Protein backbone atom coordinates (compact mmCIF):
# COMPACT_ATOMS: atom_id res chain seq x y z
CA UNK A 1 -7.74 277.43 127.51
CA UNK A 2 -10.77 275.98 125.47
CA UNK A 3 -10.90 276.00 121.75
CA UNK A 4 -13.90 276.72 120.01
CA UNK A 5 -15.10 276.86 115.84
CA UNK A 6 -15.51 280.05 114.37
CA UNK A 7 -17.84 280.58 111.82
CA UNK A 8 -18.22 284.45 109.99
CA UNK A 9 -21.00 285.63 107.92
CA UNK A 10 -22.73 281.38 108.46
CA UNK A 11 -20.05 279.89 107.19
CA UNK A 12 -17.03 277.92 109.22
CA UNK A 13 -13.46 278.38 109.10
CA UNK A 14 -11.66 274.88 108.17
CA UNK A 15 -8.78 274.63 109.50
CA UNK A 16 -9.21 277.44 112.61
CA UNK A 17 -8.31 277.40 116.28
CA UNK A 18 -10.68 279.73 118.22
CA UNK A 19 -9.46 280.25 121.77
CA UNK A 20 -11.75 281.81 124.17
CA UNK A 21 -10.44 284.20 126.58
CA UNK A 22 -13.60 284.18 129.38
CA UNK A 23 -11.73 284.63 132.63
CA UNK A 24 -10.12 287.38 134.31
CA UNK A 25 -6.61 286.13 134.08
CA UNK A 26 -6.93 284.83 130.65
CA UNK A 27 -8.53 288.23 129.42
CA UNK A 28 -5.44 289.71 131.31
CA UNK A 29 -3.02 287.85 129.83
CA UNK A 30 -4.40 288.47 126.12
CA UNK A 31 -2.34 287.34 123.15
CA UNK A 32 1.11 288.57 125.44
CA UNK A 33 4.02 285.91 125.24
CA UNK A 34 1.65 283.83 123.04
CA UNK A 35 2.79 283.39 119.55
CA UNK A 36 0.12 283.15 116.93
CA UNK A 37 -0.17 282.33 112.94
CA UNK A 38 -3.02 282.68 110.59
CA UNK A 39 -4.90 279.48 111.81
CA UNK A 40 -5.24 280.60 115.28
CA UNK A 41 -6.94 283.70 117.04
CA UNK A 42 -8.34 284.52 120.89
CA UNK A 43 -11.76 285.98 121.38
CA UNK A 44 -12.01 287.61 124.54
CA UNK A 45 -14.81 288.31 126.35
CA UNK A 46 -16.24 290.46 127.95
CA UNK A 47 -14.25 293.42 126.30
CA UNK A 48 -14.68 296.83 124.35
CA UNK A 49 -10.87 297.90 124.50
CA UNK A 50 -7.78 296.49 123.90
CA UNK A 51 -3.63 297.49 124.21
CA UNK A 52 -0.48 295.51 121.94
CA UNK A 53 1.84 296.88 125.19
CA UNK A 54 4.63 294.49 125.85
CA UNK A 55 3.63 292.85 122.26
CA UNK A 56 6.40 292.03 119.68
CA UNK A 57 4.02 291.59 116.65
CA UNK A 58 0.95 293.57 114.87
CA UNK A 59 -2.51 292.33 115.04
CA UNK A 60 -5.65 292.44 113.96
CA UNK A 61 -8.72 293.45 116.22
CA UNK A 62 -12.37 292.52 115.53
CA UNK A 63 -14.48 293.77 117.73
CA UNK A 64 -17.81 292.39 117.95
CA UNK A 65 -21.30 293.37 119.62
CA UNK A 66 -23.37 290.91 121.38
CA UNK A 67 -25.81 290.31 118.56
CA UNK A 68 -22.13 288.85 117.34
CA UNK A 69 -22.28 292.15 114.78
CA UNK A 70 -18.73 293.39 113.69
CA UNK A 71 -18.69 297.01 115.12
CA UNK A 72 -14.90 297.97 114.58
CA UNK A 73 -11.99 296.14 112.61
CA UNK A 74 -8.86 297.74 113.78
CA UNK A 75 -5.82 295.85 110.75
CA UNK A 76 -2.24 295.58 111.67
CA UNK A 77 -2.35 297.24 115.37
CA UNK A 78 0.74 297.88 115.91
CA UNK A 79 2.87 296.54 119.51
CA UNK A 80 2.17 299.77 121.95
CA UNK A 81 -0.90 301.09 120.35
CA UNK A 82 -4.56 300.62 122.05
CA UNK A 83 -8.47 300.26 120.17
CA UNK A 84 -11.98 300.34 121.46
CA UNK A 85 -15.49 300.32 120.43
CA UNK A 86 -17.77 301.63 122.26
CA UNK A 87 -20.77 299.58 121.18
CA UNK A 88 -18.29 296.17 121.25
CA UNK A 89 -19.05 293.12 124.07
CA UNK A 90 -16.34 291.19 122.70
CA UNK A 91 -12.35 291.50 120.77
CA UNK A 92 -11.42 288.98 118.38
CA UNK A 93 -7.53 289.09 118.13
CA UNK A 94 -5.81 287.68 115.17
CA UNK A 95 -2.61 287.48 113.22
CA UNK A 96 -2.28 290.96 111.42
CA UNK A 97 -3.87 290.05 107.30
CA UNK A 98 -6.03 287.37 108.91
CA UNK A 99 -9.58 290.26 109.35
CA UNK A 100 -8.44 290.74 105.36
CA UNK A 101 -8.14 286.58 104.29
CA UNK A 102 -11.31 285.70 106.39
CA UNK A 103 -13.55 289.12 104.49
CA UNK A 104 -14.01 290.03 108.11
CA UNK A 105 -15.98 293.59 107.77
CA UNK A 106 -17.92 295.80 109.82
CA UNK A 107 -21.36 294.20 109.77
CA UNK A 108 -19.91 290.91 109.10
CA UNK A 109 -21.75 287.86 111.52
CA UNK A 110 -19.29 286.16 113.72
CA UNK A 111 -20.00 282.59 116.11
CA UNK A 112 -18.05 280.70 117.92
């Protein structure tokens, strides 16, 4: 999986690794079987809906449109739940609490 830099509202997020899940296999797997921490996120693209089935921990899901604008933020999404955004092109999956810690909200601009 390729790692890239994360930028939120034109500010680079230091000490953060962002994995790109942009193949069918990486998108299907998502975070399953991976451990995450506050310094890691996974960007799944294209993607407008996710599930947390078989996951052992909650996550934050940040949906982003093609222009890089955050359309929806689901915080503390527990295992066995679903989330979606009709306007989304991709989703950023983060450790639960990271959306708030990184000050990500609807309307924020994200790039990688």
